[in-house]
Structures are given as structure tokens and as C-alpha cells.
Amino acid sequence: MAVQQNKKSPSKRGMHRAHDFLETPPLTVEPITGETHRRHHISPTGFYRGKAVLKDKDA
């Protein structure tokens, strides 16, 4: 079983938990399609940062 070597200070503990209190996820707009999607995720049509990362099923 893992045992911590040093105690984590209250400041570091707070920094670790900082993302837990975000109300809405940060969004971005895809430059090619204009769709809104979560940051660091692909858009619903399969684009990420202006490039198609998923192939269409029909093609």
C-alpha cells in the first residue's frame, strides 16, 4: 500500500482541488466548423484545432 512520504500543506491541497469548484467547463469554438466544444476535446463532427481527426463513416 502506498504511504505518503511528506505531509501535503493546506496550500498545495487547495491547489490540487482547484478544478473541483469550476461551475461550467471551459468551451472553445472550432475555427473550421464554428461548433462549440469542450477545451482539449474533439468537436461533435470530429475536428480538433482545425484538423479532421475522425474519418467519416460514409467515406
N, C-alpha and C. Protein backbone atom coordinates (compact mmCIF):
# COMPACT_ATOMS: atom_id res chain seq x y z
N MET A 1 0.84 -1.18 0.00
CA MET A 1 0.00 0.00 0.00
C MET A 1 0.88 1.24 0.00
N ALA A 2 0.46 2.27 -0.74
CA ALA A 2 1.25 3.50 -0.83
C ALA A 2 1.08 4.32 0.44
N VAL A 3 2.19 4.85 0.93
CA VAL A 3 2.20 5.70 2.11
C VAL A 3 2.89 7.00 1.74
N GLN A 4 2.24 8.12 2.05
CA GLN A 4 2.85 9.40 1.69
C GLN A 4 4.14 9.62 2.45
N GLN A 5 5.11 10.23 1.79
CA GLN A 5 6.39 10.47 2.43
C GLN A 5 6.39 11.79 3.20
N ASN A 6 5.75 12.81 2.63
CA ASN A 6 5.70 14.12 3.29
C ASN A 6 4.25 14.59 3.34
N LYS A 7 3.93 15.39 4.37
CA LYS A 7 2.59 15.92 4.52
C LYS A 7 2.34 16.99 3.45
N LYS A 8 1.16 16.95 2.84
CA LYS A 8 0.79 17.97 1.86
C LYS A 8 0.23 19.18 2.61
N SER A 9 0.80 20.35 2.35
CA SER A 9 0.38 21.56 3.06
C SER A 9 -1.02 21.97 2.63
N PRO A 10 -1.71 22.77 3.46
CA PRO A 10 -3.06 23.22 3.08
C PRO A 10 -3.07 23.99 1.75
N SER A 11 -2.02 24.73 1.46
CA SER A 11 -1.94 25.47 0.21
C SER A 11 -1.90 24.52 -0.98
N LYS A 12 -1.04 23.51 -0.91
CA LYS A 12 -0.93 22.54 -2.00
C LYS A 12 -2.22 21.73 -2.13
N ARG A 13 -2.85 21.41 -1.00
CA ARG A 13 -4.11 20.67 -1.04
C ARG A 13 -5.18 21.48 -1.75
N GLY A 14 -5.21 22.79 -1.48
CA GLY A 14 -6.17 23.67 -2.14
C GLY A 14 -5.91 23.75 -3.63
N MET A 15 -4.64 23.81 -4.02
CA MET A 15 -4.30 23.86 -5.45
C MET A 15 -4.72 22.57 -6.15
N HIS A 16 -4.60 21.46 -5.45
CA HIS A 16 -4.97 20.16 -6.02
C HIS A 16 -6.47 20.09 -6.27
N ARG A 17 -7.24 20.74 -5.41
CA ARG A 17 -8.69 20.69 -5.51
C ARG A 17 -9.28 21.85 -6.31
N ALA A 18 -8.46 22.68 -6.90
CA ALA A 18 -8.93 23.90 -7.54
C ALA A 18 -9.94 23.62 -8.65
N HIS A 19 -9.76 22.55 -9.41
CA HIS A 19 -10.64 22.28 -10.54
C HIS A 19 -12.00 21.74 -10.12
N ASP A 20 -12.17 21.35 -8.86
CA ASP A 20 -13.43 20.77 -8.41
C ASP A 20 -14.55 21.80 -8.32
N PHE A 21 -14.22 23.07 -8.25
CA PHE A 21 -15.22 24.09 -7.99
C PHE A 21 -15.54 24.93 -9.22
N LEU A 22 -15.14 24.50 -10.41
CA LEU A 22 -15.50 25.21 -11.63
C LEU A 22 -16.97 24.97 -11.93
N GLU A 23 -17.72 26.04 -12.19
CA GLU A 23 -19.15 25.90 -12.43
C GLU A 23 -19.40 25.32 -13.83
N THR A 24 -18.85 25.94 -14.86
CA THR A 24 -19.09 25.49 -16.22
C THR A 24 -17.75 25.11 -16.85
N PRO A 25 -17.73 24.07 -17.67
CA PRO A 25 -16.46 23.69 -18.31
C PRO A 25 -16.06 24.75 -19.33
N PRO A 26 -14.75 25.00 -19.48
CA PRO A 26 -14.32 25.98 -20.47
C PRO A 26 -14.61 25.48 -21.88
N LEU A 27 -15.16 26.35 -22.71
CA LEU A 27 -15.55 25.99 -24.06
C LEU A 27 -14.70 26.74 -25.07
N THR A 28 -14.62 26.21 -26.27
CA THR A 28 -13.92 26.86 -27.37
C THR A 28 -14.73 26.67 -28.63
N VAL A 29 -14.45 27.51 -29.64
CA VAL A 29 -15.16 27.44 -30.92
C VAL A 29 -14.19 26.87 -31.95
N GLU A 30 -14.64 25.84 -32.65
CA GLU A 30 -13.82 25.22 -33.70
C GLU A 30 -13.70 26.19 -34.87
N PRO A 31 -12.47 26.52 -35.31
CA PRO A 31 -12.32 27.53 -36.36
C PRO A 31 -12.87 27.10 -37.72
N ILE A 32 -12.88 25.83 -38.04
CA ILE A 32 -13.35 25.37 -39.35
C ILE A 32 -14.87 25.28 -39.40
N THR A 33 -15.46 24.60 -38.43
CA THR A 33 -16.90 24.34 -38.47
C THR A 33 -17.71 25.36 -37.67
N GLY A 34 -17.09 26.08 -36.76
CA GLY A 34 -17.81 27.05 -35.94
C GLY A 34 -18.56 26.43 -34.78
N GLU A 35 -18.33 25.14 -34.51
CA GLU A 35 -19.03 24.45 -33.42
C GLU A 35 -18.36 24.76 -32.08
N THR A 36 -19.16 24.73 -31.04
CA THR A 36 -18.65 24.92 -29.68
C THR A 36 -18.42 23.55 -29.07
N HIS A 37 -17.25 23.37 -28.43
CA HIS A 37 -16.95 22.11 -27.76
C HIS A 37 -16.06 22.38 -26.57
N ARG A 38 -15.91 21.36 -25.71
CA ARG A 38 -15.06 21.50 -24.53
C ARG A 38 -13.61 21.62 -24.94
N ARG A 39 -12.83 22.35 -24.15
CA ARG A 39 -11.42 22.52 -24.45
C ARG A 39 -10.72 21.16 -24.40
N HIS A 40 -9.76 20.94 -25.27
CA HIS A 40 -8.96 19.72 -25.34
C HIS A 40 -9.78 18.48 -25.67
N HIS A 41 -10.95 18.66 -26.29
CA HIS A 41 -11.78 17.56 -26.75
C HIS A 41 -12.13 17.82 -28.21
N ILE A 42 -12.48 16.79 -28.95
CA ILE A 42 -12.84 16.98 -30.35
C ILE A 42 -14.27 17.50 -30.43
N SER A 43 -14.59 18.15 -31.55
CA SER A 43 -15.94 18.65 -31.77
C SER A 43 -16.86 17.48 -32.16
N PRO A 44 -18.17 17.69 -32.13
CA PRO A 44 -19.08 16.59 -32.48
C PRO A 44 -18.88 16.03 -33.89
N THR A 45 -18.35 16.84 -34.81
CA THR A 45 -18.14 16.35 -36.17
C THR A 45 -16.76 15.75 -36.37
N GLY A 46 -15.91 15.73 -35.32
CA GLY A 46 -14.62 15.07 -35.41
C GLY A 46 -13.45 15.96 -35.74
N PHE A 47 -13.57 17.28 -35.51
CA PHE A 47 -12.48 18.20 -35.76
C PHE A 47 -11.81 18.59 -34.45
N TYR A 48 -10.49 18.82 -34.50
CA TYR A 48 -9.75 19.32 -33.35
C TYR A 48 -8.68 20.28 -33.85
N ARG A 49 -8.74 21.51 -33.40
CA ARG A 49 -7.80 22.57 -33.77
C ARG A 49 -7.68 22.72 -35.29
N GLY A 50 -8.82 22.68 -35.97
CA GLY A 50 -8.85 22.92 -37.40
C GLY A 50 -8.53 21.73 -38.28
N LYS A 51 -8.31 20.56 -37.70
CA LYS A 51 -7.98 19.38 -38.49
C LYS A 51 -8.98 18.27 -38.20
N ALA A 52 -9.32 17.50 -39.23
CA ALA A 52 -10.23 16.38 -39.05
C ALA A 52 -9.45 15.23 -38.43
N VAL A 53 -9.87 14.79 -37.24
CA VAL A 53 -9.15 13.70 -36.55
C VAL A 53 -9.94 12.40 -36.60
N LEU A 54 -11.20 12.47 -37.00
CA LEU A 54 -12.02 11.27 -37.19
C LEU A 54 -12.47 11.22 -38.63
N LYS A 55 -12.43 10.03 -39.22
CA LYS A 55 -12.89 9.86 -40.60
C LYS A 55 -14.39 9.66 -40.61
N ASP A 56 -15.02 10.12 -41.68
CA ASP A 56 -16.47 9.92 -41.85
C ASP A 56 -16.75 8.44 -42.09
N LYS A 57 -17.91 7.98 -41.65
CA LYS A 57 -18.28 6.58 -41.87
C LYS A 57 -18.62 6.32 -43.33
N ASP A 58 -19.16 7.35 -44.06
CA ASP A 58 -19.52 7.13 -45.47
C ASP A 58 -18.31 7.09 -46.38
N ALA A 59 -17.23 7.75 -45.99
CA ALA A 59 -16.06 7.81 -46.89
C ALA A 59 -15.17 6.59 -46.76
